[in-house]
Amino acid sequence: MTAGGRLVTRYYLYQATRSAGFIYPVFTLFLLRTLSFTQVGLLGALSSAVVVLSEVPTGYVADQLGRRASLVLSVVFTVLSLAGFVVFQSFVAYAVLYVLWALAQTFVSGSADAWLYERLEEQTDPSAFTRVRGRGESVMRATSVATMLAGGVLYTLDPRFPFVASVALNALGLVVLASFPSTDRAAADGHVTATDTFRIVRKRFTRQPMLSVVLYTSLFFAVVSTGDTYIQPVARTLFERTLSSGVSGFGALPESVLLGVLYAAFTGVSAVASYHAGTLEATLGFRDALLVVSLGTAGLFLLPQWILLASLPMFVALRGSTTLLSPLVNGFLNGQIETVGRATTLSAFSMVTRLARIPLAVLAGVVGDVYGETTSVAVLGGVFLVAAAIVWGVRTVGDGKRVASRAQATQSAAGDDPE
């Protein structure tokens, strides 16, 4: 096996250890044993606030100390957070654990993609990023299919057991990371001050086309992340109505097992979607792929409010859209930036996403308590569609003005030429 092949294999193994499949199908149900929708929304908002405050600083740390060190810290914080859910059961304790989980996400958000892109530049071809990143996501989703089925069963035995299993799986990430190359180009390039790094990030984010892409995709990922919280309550309502209507075959199965099967099914679909992220980009191009997937997903958010059975394709789109678009978006961002400050820039993108999620999480939680979970999901879809129209409308007007300005400048230059 070539050096590039070994690199990709190690990356795939690392992605497998990042799966949260054991807890994912039952996590909201676990919280709702003692919390309300509003409290769950507040926890989500707290997590997003922590990310907003720490995303860029942790990205800077990754640029200075190295990508692998940042990934190790992410695993440590993840394991501590998961272990805490086994021991503690109160809103305040959960808030602390959410902070740890948020820190874990900030240390991995920019570092993993920056590490992969730069290693591909060195050993193979950076144009393979979307394909390798997408297939790595597919590996994580495939691992989640198996662990989700097991997590639903473990929850019936004891609600804490899925967290114990997840601690064991995620801790294996430390073993895999020990095999990663220890050198980092960013660290080898010399010290860059925080002021210089933040100036570079600001310059990158305020120029087109990155500005429009960052605003649009961060809002979409924020909407999907918030909507993800409501999969379990919507699914529970769907199960209850299906059983009450006389449909047989599911009544003997515990709710957590049904959720495990459901999550495994649409996670399997999203794994296939992620595997073909590179194909989608090659077929439609980045812009069209982004628009088709995001607008289609947001449209499906509206349907369960009137047709509850439509929540099934909405679940698939909700899970699949993120895994499908993440490799494309991160490939686009990596292609727009240089090595210096790469992790900080990618972390800043995650920060914008989390910043957008704060008001969405609170809004959805309040709406869920008053009007129900399907209304919360519909509101999220509506918010995105309206905001998307504004973002692309402003971008279109701006592009038109720039084209007109260039045309006017060309005409003026032609008028000044001697005959």
Protein backbone atom coordinates (compact mmCIF):
# COMPACT_ATOMS: atom_id res chain seq x y z
CA MET A 1 0.00 0.00 0.00
CA THR A 2 1.30 3.45 -0.90
CA ALA A 3 1.91 6.19 1.67
CA GLY A 4 -1.17 8.00 0.39
CA GLY A 5 -3.25 4.84 0.73
CA ARG A 6 -2.11 4.28 4.32
CA LEU A 7 -2.92 7.89 5.11
CA VAL A 8 -6.46 7.57 3.79
CA THR A 9 -6.99 4.26 5.63
CA ARG A 10 -5.96 5.80 8.94
CA TYR A 11 -8.28 8.72 8.28
CA TYR A 12 -11.18 6.33 7.66
CA LEU A 13 -10.45 4.48 10.92
CA TYR A 14 -10.41 7.76 12.80
CA GLN A 15 -13.76 8.73 11.28
CA ALA A 16 -15.24 5.41 12.43
CA THR A 17 -14.28 6.16 16.05
CA ARG A 18 -16.05 9.54 15.87
CA SER A 19 -19.47 7.93 15.52
CA ALA A 20 -22.08 8.89 18.11
CA GLY A 21 -24.42 6.15 16.94
CA PHE A 22 -24.89 4.52 20.33
CA ILE A 23 -26.49 7.65 21.82
CA TYR A 24 -27.84 9.44 18.78
CA PRO A 25 -31.26 7.73 18.41
CA VAL A 26 -32.12 8.15 22.09
CA PHE A 27 -30.30 11.30 23.17
CA THR A 28 -33.26 13.68 23.10
CA LEU A 29 -35.47 11.08 24.78
CA PHE A 30 -32.78 10.71 27.45
CA LEU A 31 -32.89 14.46 28.09
CA LEU A 32 -36.69 14.70 27.99
CA ARG A 33 -36.93 12.30 30.92
CA THR A 34 -36.17 15.28 33.17
CA LEU A 35 -36.19 18.36 30.90
CA SER A 36 -38.72 20.34 28.84
CA PHE A 37 -38.38 21.31 25.17
CA THR A 38 -37.43 24.82 26.26
CA GLN A 39 -34.64 23.50 28.49
CA VAL A 40 -33.37 21.28 25.68
CA GLY A 41 -33.40 24.32 23.41
CA LEU A 42 -31.49 26.34 25.99
CA LEU A 43 -28.85 23.61 26.19
CA GLY A 44 -28.50 23.74 22.43
CA ALA A 45 -28.18 27.51 22.55
CA LEU A 46 -25.57 27.25 25.32
CA SER A 47 -23.56 24.79 23.26
CA SER A 48 -23.70 27.13 20.28
CA ALA A 49 -22.66 30.11 22.41
CA VAL A 50 -19.63 28.22 23.72
CA VAL A 51 -18.68 27.32 20.15
CA VAL A 52 -19.06 30.95 19.06
CA LEU A 53 -16.72 32.08 21.83
CA SER A 54 -14.14 29.31 21.47
CA GLU A 55 -14.23 28.23 17.81
CA VAL A 56 -11.73 30.75 16.45
CA PRO A 57 -9.36 30.56 19.48
CA THR A 58 -9.26 26.75 19.29
CA GLY A 59 -8.66 26.97 15.54
CA TYR A 60 -5.74 29.29 16.26
CA VAL A 61 -4.44 26.77 18.80
CA ALA A 62 -4.62 24.07 16.12
CA ASP A 63 -2.67 26.27 13.71
CA GLN A 64 0.04 26.86 16.32
CA LEU A 65 0.29 23.53 18.18
CA GLY A 66 -0.59 21.22 15.32
CA ARG A 67 -3.66 19.48 13.94
CA ARG A 68 -3.07 16.17 15.70
CA ALA A 69 -2.78 17.77 19.13
CA SER A 70 -6.09 19.54 18.52
CA LEU A 71 -7.76 16.28 17.49
CA VAL A 72 -6.47 14.56 20.63
CA LEU A 73 -7.97 17.30 22.81
CA SER A 74 -11.27 16.84 20.98
CA VAL A 75 -11.38 13.14 21.80
CA VAL A 76 -10.53 13.79 25.46
CA PHE A 77 -13.32 16.35 25.86
CA THR A 78 -15.78 14.08 24.05
CA VAL A 79 -15.05 11.13 26.32
CA LEU A 80 -15.34 13.29 29.46
CA SER A 81 -18.70 14.65 28.31
CA LEU A 82 -20.12 11.23 27.45
CA ALA A 83 -18.94 9.79 30.75
CA GLY A 84 -20.65 12.64 32.59
CA PHE A 85 -24.06 11.67 31.22
CA VAL A 86 -23.61 8.28 32.88
CA VAL A 87 -23.15 9.89 36.30
CA PHE A 88 -25.17 13.13 36.39
CA GLN A 89 -28.88 13.84 35.79
CA SER A 90 -29.77 17.51 36.22
CA PHE A 91 -30.13 20.57 34.02
CA VAL A 92 -27.08 22.27 35.56
CA ALA A 93 -24.93 19.16 35.17
CA TYR A 94 -26.10 18.70 31.59
CA ALA A 95 -25.14 22.33 30.91
CA VAL A 96 -21.56 21.61 32.02
CA LEU A 97 -21.45 18.47 29.88
CA TYR A 98 -22.76 20.42 26.89
CA VAL A 99 -19.90 22.88 27.36
CA LEU A 100 -17.38 20.02 27.26
CA TRP A 101 -19.07 18.60 24.17
CA ALA A 102 -18.99 22.01 22.48
CA LEU A 103 -15.27 22.38 23.20
CA ALA A 104 -14.70 18.94 21.69
CA GLN A 105 -16.48 20.05 18.53
CA THR A 106 -14.44 23.23 18.24
CA PHE A 107 -11.14 21.39 18.48
CA VAL A 108 -12.11 19.02 15.66
CA SER A 109 -14.17 21.29 13.39
CA GLY A 110 -11.33 22.97 11.52
CA SER A 111 -8.44 20.69 12.41
CA ALA A 112 -9.68 17.44 10.85
CA ASP A 113 -10.37 18.98 7.45
CA ALA A 114 -7.21 21.10 7.52
CA TRP A 115 -5.14 18.02 8.40
CA LEU A 116 -6.68 15.94 5.62
CA TYR A 117 -6.39 18.64 2.94
CA GLU A 118 -2.74 19.34 3.71
CA ARG A 119 -1.76 15.67 3.90
CA LEU A 120 -3.44 15.08 0.53
CA GLU A 121 -1.50 18.04 -0.89
CA GLU A 122 1.74 16.46 0.29
CA GLN A 123 1.17 12.82 -0.60
CA THR A 124 -1.51 12.53 -3.30
CA ASP A 125 -3.76 15.21 -4.79
CA PRO A 126 -5.79 17.93 -2.99
CA SER A 127 -8.51 17.60 -5.64
CA ALA A 128 -9.30 14.23 -4.03
CA PHE A 129 -10.43 16.01 -0.87
CA THR A 130 -14.18 15.95 -1.60
CA ARG A 131 -14.06 12.26 -2.50
CA VAL A 132 -11.95 11.19 0.50
CA ARG A 133 -13.79 13.48 2.92
CA GLY A 134 -17.14 12.21 1.64
CA ARG A 135 -16.13 8.57 1.94
CA GLY A 136 -14.72 9.21 5.40
CA GLU A 137 -18.11 10.60 6.37
CA SER A 138 -19.66 7.51 4.80
CA VAL A 139 -17.48 5.28 6.97
CA MET A 140 -18.62 7.15 10.08
CA ARG A 141 -22.27 6.82 9.02
CA ALA A 142 -21.87 3.12 8.26
CA THR A 143 -20.41 2.63 11.73
CA SER A 144 -23.37 4.55 13.10
CA VAL A 145 -25.85 2.21 11.42
CA ALA A 146 -24.60 -0.72 13.50
CA THR A 147 -24.15 1.26 16.70
CA MET A 148 -27.60 2.88 16.42
CA LEU A 149 -29.28 -0.52 16.32
CA ALA A 150 -27.27 -1.55 19.37
CA GLY A 151 -27.91 1.77 21.12
CA GLY A 152 -31.68 1.37 20.92
CA VAL A 153 -31.45 -2.06 22.53
CA LEU A 154 -29.00 -0.90 25.20
CA TYR A 155 -31.35 1.94 26.14
CA THR A 156 -34.09 -0.57 26.98
CA LEU A 157 -31.72 -2.27 29.41
CA ASP A 158 -30.53 0.96 31.02
CA PRO A 159 -30.67 4.51 29.61
CA ARG A 160 -27.02 4.98 30.58
CA PHE A 161 -25.65 1.97 28.70
CA PRO A 162 -25.51 3.70 25.26
CA PHE A 163 -23.27 6.36 26.80
CA VAL A 164 -20.94 3.73 28.28
CA ALA A 165 -20.61 2.07 24.88
CA SER A 166 -20.00 5.42 23.20
CA VAL A 167 -17.21 6.24 25.67
CA ALA A 168 -15.44 3.01 24.69
CA LEU A 169 -15.79 3.63 20.94
CA ASN A 170 -14.73 7.28 21.02
CA ALA A 171 -11.75 6.53 23.26
CA LEU A 172 -10.37 4.29 20.49
CA GLY A 173 -9.81 7.51 18.57
CA LEU A 174 -6.77 8.19 20.76
CA VAL A 175 -5.21 4.92 19.56
CA VAL A 176 -5.81 5.80 15.91
CA LEU A 177 -4.53 9.36 16.33
CA ALA A 178 -1.26 8.00 17.74
CA SER A 179 -0.57 6.62 14.23
CA PHE A 180 -1.16 9.98 12.51
CA PRO A 181 1.91 11.89 11.22
CA SER A 182 3.22 14.02 14.07
CA THR A 183 4.47 16.89 11.92
CA ASP A 184 2.17 19.72 10.87
CA ARG A 185 2.95 22.14 8.09
CA ALA A 186 1.21 24.98 9.92
CA ALA A 187 3.41 24.53 12.98
CA ALA A 188 6.50 24.18 10.77
CA ASP A 189 5.76 27.40 8.91
CA GLY A 190 6.65 29.42 11.97
CA HIS A 191 4.76 31.45 14.53
CA VAL A 192 1.96 33.69 13.28
CA THR A 193 0.48 36.14 15.75
CA ALA A 194 -3.20 35.97 16.66
CA THR A 195 -3.71 39.47 15.25
CA ASP A 196 -2.24 38.45 11.89
CA THR A 197 -4.33 35.29 11.80
CA PHE A 198 -7.60 37.08 12.58
CA ARG A 199 -6.81 39.74 9.97
CA ILE A 200 -6.32 36.98 7.38
CA VAL A 201 -9.61 35.33 8.35
CA ARG A 202 -11.52 38.62 8.15
CA LYS A 203 -10.09 39.35 4.71
CA ARG A 204 -11.06 35.91 3.43
CA PHE A 205 -14.59 36.03 4.78
CA THR A 206 -15.45 39.47 3.44
CA ARG A 207 -14.67 38.77 -0.19
CA GLN A 208 -16.87 37.09 -2.77
CA PRO A 209 -17.73 34.34 -3.46
CA MET A 210 -16.75 33.17 0.02
CA LEU A 211 -18.98 35.69 1.82
CA SER A 212 -22.22 34.49 0.20
CA VAL A 213 -21.27 30.82 0.53
CA VAL A 214 -20.41 31.20 4.22
CA LEU A 215 -23.65 33.04 5.03
CA TYR A 216 -25.84 30.64 3.06
CA THR A 217 -24.30 27.34 4.12
CA SER A 218 -23.81 28.31 7.77
CA LEU A 219 -27.51 29.19 8.01
CA PHE A 220 -28.50 25.92 6.35
CA PHE A 221 -26.28 23.83 8.64
CA ALA A 222 -27.65 25.74 11.65
CA VAL A 223 -31.24 25.00 10.61
CA VAL A 224 -30.48 21.32 10.01
CA SER A 225 -28.59 21.01 13.30
CA THR A 226 -31.50 22.56 15.21
CA GLY A 227 -34.08 20.47 13.37
CA ASP A 228 -32.10 17.34 14.17
CA THR A 229 -33.11 17.76 17.83
CA TYR A 230 -36.75 17.17 16.90
CA ILE A 231 -36.35 13.91 14.99
CA GLN A 232 -37.02 11.80 18.07
CA PRO A 233 -40.16 13.62 19.31
CA VAL A 234 -41.59 13.76 15.78
CA ALA A 235 -40.82 10.07 15.29
CA ARG A 236 -42.44 9.25 18.62
CA THR A 237 -45.62 11.05 17.53
CA LEU A 238 -45.52 9.18 14.22
CA PHE A 239 -45.17 5.82 15.99
CA GLU A 240 -48.03 6.60 18.36
CA ARG A 241 -50.40 7.61 15.56
CA THR A 242 -49.38 4.65 13.42
CA LEU A 243 -50.05 2.22 16.23
CA SER A 244 -53.34 3.88 17.19
CA SER A 245 -54.52 3.60 13.58
CA GLY A 246 -54.31 -0.17 13.81
CA VAL A 247 -51.07 -0.80 11.91
CA SER A 248 -49.55 -3.93 13.43
CA GLY A 249 -46.00 -5.20 13.65
CA PHE A 250 -44.41 -2.53 15.83
CA GLY A 251 -46.43 -2.55 19.02
CA ALA A 252 -44.28 -5.22 20.69
CA LEU A 253 -41.05 -3.27 20.17
CA PRO A 254 -39.87 -0.67 22.70
CA GLU A 255 -39.80 2.92 21.50
CA SER A 256 -36.01 3.15 21.77
CA VAL A 257 -35.58 0.05 19.58
CA LEU A 258 -37.91 1.52 16.94
CA LEU A 259 -35.89 4.73 17.00
CA GLY A 260 -32.67 2.75 16.64
CA VAL A 261 -34.03 0.97 13.56
CA LEU A 262 -35.34 4.25 12.10
CA TYR A 263 -32.07 6.09 12.66
CA ALA A 264 -30.06 3.19 11.26
CA ALA A 265 -32.21 3.19 8.11
CA PHE A 266 -31.86 6.84 7.21
CA THR A 267 -28.25 6.96 8.38
CA GLY A 268 -27.53 4.15 5.95
CA VAL A 269 -29.06 6.25 3.19
CA SER A 270 -26.97 9.26 4.24
CA ALA A 271 -23.84 7.08 4.23
CA VAL A 272 -24.49 6.21 0.59
CA ALA A 273 -25.14 9.88 -0.19
CA SER A 274 -21.90 10.97 1.45
CA TYR A 275 -19.95 8.32 -0.47
CA HIS A 276 -21.10 9.93 -3.73
CA ALA A 277 -20.48 13.57 -2.72
CA GLY A 278 -17.69 13.82 -5.27
CA THR A 279 -19.96 12.47 -8.00
CA LEU A 280 -22.64 15.05 -7.18
CA GLU A 281 -20.15 17.89 -7.38
CA ALA A 282 -18.77 16.61 -10.69
CA THR A 283 -22.29 16.30 -12.12
CA LEU A 284 -24.00 19.50 -10.95
CA GLY A 285 -21.14 21.70 -9.91
CA PHE A 286 -20.73 23.20 -6.45
CA ARG A 287 -23.32 26.00 -6.69
CA ASP A 288 -26.16 23.96 -8.20
CA ALA A 289 -25.56 21.04 -5.85
CA LEU A 290 -25.69 23.41 -2.88
CA LEU A 291 -28.96 25.00 -4.01
CA VAL A 292 -30.75 21.77 -4.96
CA VAL A 293 -29.92 19.93 -1.74
CA SER A 294 -30.50 22.83 0.67
CA LEU A 295 -33.74 24.13 -0.84
CA GLY A 296 -35.16 20.64 -1.26
CA THR A 297 -34.41 19.79 2.36
CA ALA A 298 -35.92 23.03 3.68
CA GLY A 299 -39.06 22.40 1.64
CA LEU A 300 -39.46 18.97 3.23
CA PHE A 301 -39.30 20.62 6.68
CA LEU A 302 -42.70 22.18 5.96
CA LEU A 303 -44.61 18.99 5.13
CA PRO A 304 -44.92 17.10 8.48
CA GLN A 305 -47.01 19.97 9.83
CA TRP A 306 -49.82 18.80 7.52
CA ILE A 307 -48.79 15.25 6.55
CA LEU A 308 -47.10 13.48 9.44
CA LEU A 309 -46.00 10.55 7.27
CA ALA A 310 -43.92 13.05 5.26
CA SER A 311 -41.60 13.19 8.26
CA LEU A 312 -39.93 10.00 6.97
CA PRO A 313 -38.46 11.57 3.80
CA MET A 314 -37.78 14.69 5.86
CA PHE A 315 -35.68 12.60 8.27
CA VAL A 316 -33.68 11.17 5.38
CA ALA A 317 -33.12 14.59 3.81
CA LEU A 318 -32.22 16.15 7.16
CA ARG A 319 -29.52 13.57 7.86
CA GLY A 320 -28.37 13.10 4.28
CA SER A 321 -28.09 16.76 3.33
CA THR A 322 -25.41 17.52 5.91
CA THR A 323 -23.29 14.49 5.06
CA LEU A 324 -23.68 15.24 1.36
CA LEU A 325 -22.88 18.95 1.47
CA SER A 326 -20.18 19.03 4.16
CA PRO A 327 -17.45 17.55 1.91
CA LEU A 328 -18.41 19.94 -0.91
CA VAL A 329 -18.46 23.02 1.32
CA ASN A 330 -15.24 22.16 3.12
CA GLY A 331 -13.55 21.39 -0.18
CA PHE A 332 -14.65 24.79 -1.50
CA LEU A 333 -13.39 26.59 1.61
CA ASN A 334 -10.05 24.77 1.59
CA GLY A 335 -9.60 25.68 -2.05
CA GLN A 336 -10.07 29.37 -1.22
CA ILE A 337 -7.50 29.57 1.57
CA GLU A 338 -3.78 29.07 2.09
CA THR A 339 -2.00 26.99 4.72
CA VAL A 340 -1.46 29.88 7.15
CA GLY A 341 -4.54 30.21 9.31
CA ARG A 342 -6.34 27.34 7.56
CA ALA A 343 -7.72 25.71 10.72
CA THR A 344 -8.66 29.11 12.14
CA THR A 345 -10.58 29.97 8.96
CA LEU A 346 -12.46 26.66 8.95
CA SER A 347 -13.19 27.10 12.65
CA ALA A 348 -14.52 30.59 11.96
CA PHE A 349 -16.98 29.07 9.50
CA SER A 350 -18.19 26.69 12.21
CA MET A 351 -18.46 29.66 14.56
CA VAL A 352 -20.78 31.46 12.15
CA THR A 353 -22.91 28.31 11.93
CA ARG A 354 -23.19 28.06 15.70
CA LEU A 355 -23.91 31.76 15.99
CA ALA A 356 -26.87 31.32 13.66
CA ARG A 357 -28.01 28.31 15.69
CA ILE A 358 -28.36 30.20 19.00
CA PRO A 359 -31.61 32.08 18.21
CA LEU A 360 -32.91 29.15 16.15
CA ALA A 361 -32.52 26.72 19.06
CA VAL A 362 -34.34 29.00 21.49
CA LEU A 363 -37.08 29.82 18.96
CA ALA A 364 -37.65 26.17 18.09
CA GLY A 365 -37.77 25.17 21.76
CA VAL A 366 -40.39 27.78 22.65
CA VAL A 367 -42.48 26.97 19.56
CA GLY A 368 -42.23 23.26 20.37
CA ASP A 369 -43.57 23.74 23.90
CA VAL A 370 -46.47 25.91 22.70
CA TYR A 371 -47.45 24.44 19.32
CA GLY A 372 -45.69 21.08 19.06
CA GLU A 373 -42.59 19.62 17.47
CA THR A 374 -43.83 19.52 13.86
CA THR A 375 -44.54 23.25 14.00
CA SER A 376 -41.00 23.86 15.27
CA VAL A 377 -39.57 22.00 12.29
CA ALA A 378 -41.84 23.88 9.85
CA VAL A 379 -40.76 27.23 11.31
CA LEU A 380 -37.11 26.29 10.84
CA GLY A 381 -37.72 25.41 7.20
CA GLY A 382 -39.59 28.65 6.61
CA VAL A 383 -36.86 30.74 8.23
CA PHE A 384 -34.24 29.21 5.96
CA LEU A 385 -36.24 29.66 2.75
CA VAL A 386 -36.85 33.35 3.49
CA ALA A 387 -33.24 33.99 4.51
CA ALA A 388 -31.91 32.08 1.49
CA ALA A 389 -33.95 34.28 -0.84
CA ILE A 390 -32.49 37.37 0.83
CA VAL A 391 -28.87 36.13 0.65
CA TRP A 392 -29.02 35.17 -3.00
CA GLY A 393 -31.07 38.25 -3.86
CA VAL A 394 -28.43 40.54 -2.38
CA ARG A 395 -25.68 38.52 -4.09
CA THR A 396 -27.43 38.80 -7.46
CA VAL A 397 -27.87 42.56 -7.09
CA GLY A 398 -24.25 42.92 -6.07
CA ASP A 399 -23.04 40.87 -9.03
CA GLY A 400 -25.19 42.99 -11.36
CA LYS A 401 -23.71 46.21 -10.03
CA ARG A 402 -20.16 44.88 -10.41
CA VAL A 403 -20.84 43.80 -13.99
CA ALA A 404 -22.37 47.19 -14.82
CA SER A 405 -19.43 48.98 -13.19
CA ARG A 406 -16.92 46.97 -15.21
CA ALA A 407 -18.89 47.59 -18.42
CA GLN A 408 -18.98 51.33 -17.72
CA ALA A 409 -15.25 51.36 -17.04
CA THR A 410 -14.62 49.52 -20.30
CA GLN A 411 -16.76 51.99 -22.27
CA SER A 412 -14.99 54.94 -20.66
CA ALA A 413 -11.62 53.48 -21.53
CA ALA A 414 -12.74 52.89 -25.12
CA GLY A 415 -14.00 56.51 -25.38
CA ASP A 416 -10.60 57.82 -24.30
CA ASP A 417 -8.75 55.93 -27.05
CA PRO A 418 -7.54 58.11 -29.97
CA GLU A 419 -9.18 57.47 -33.31
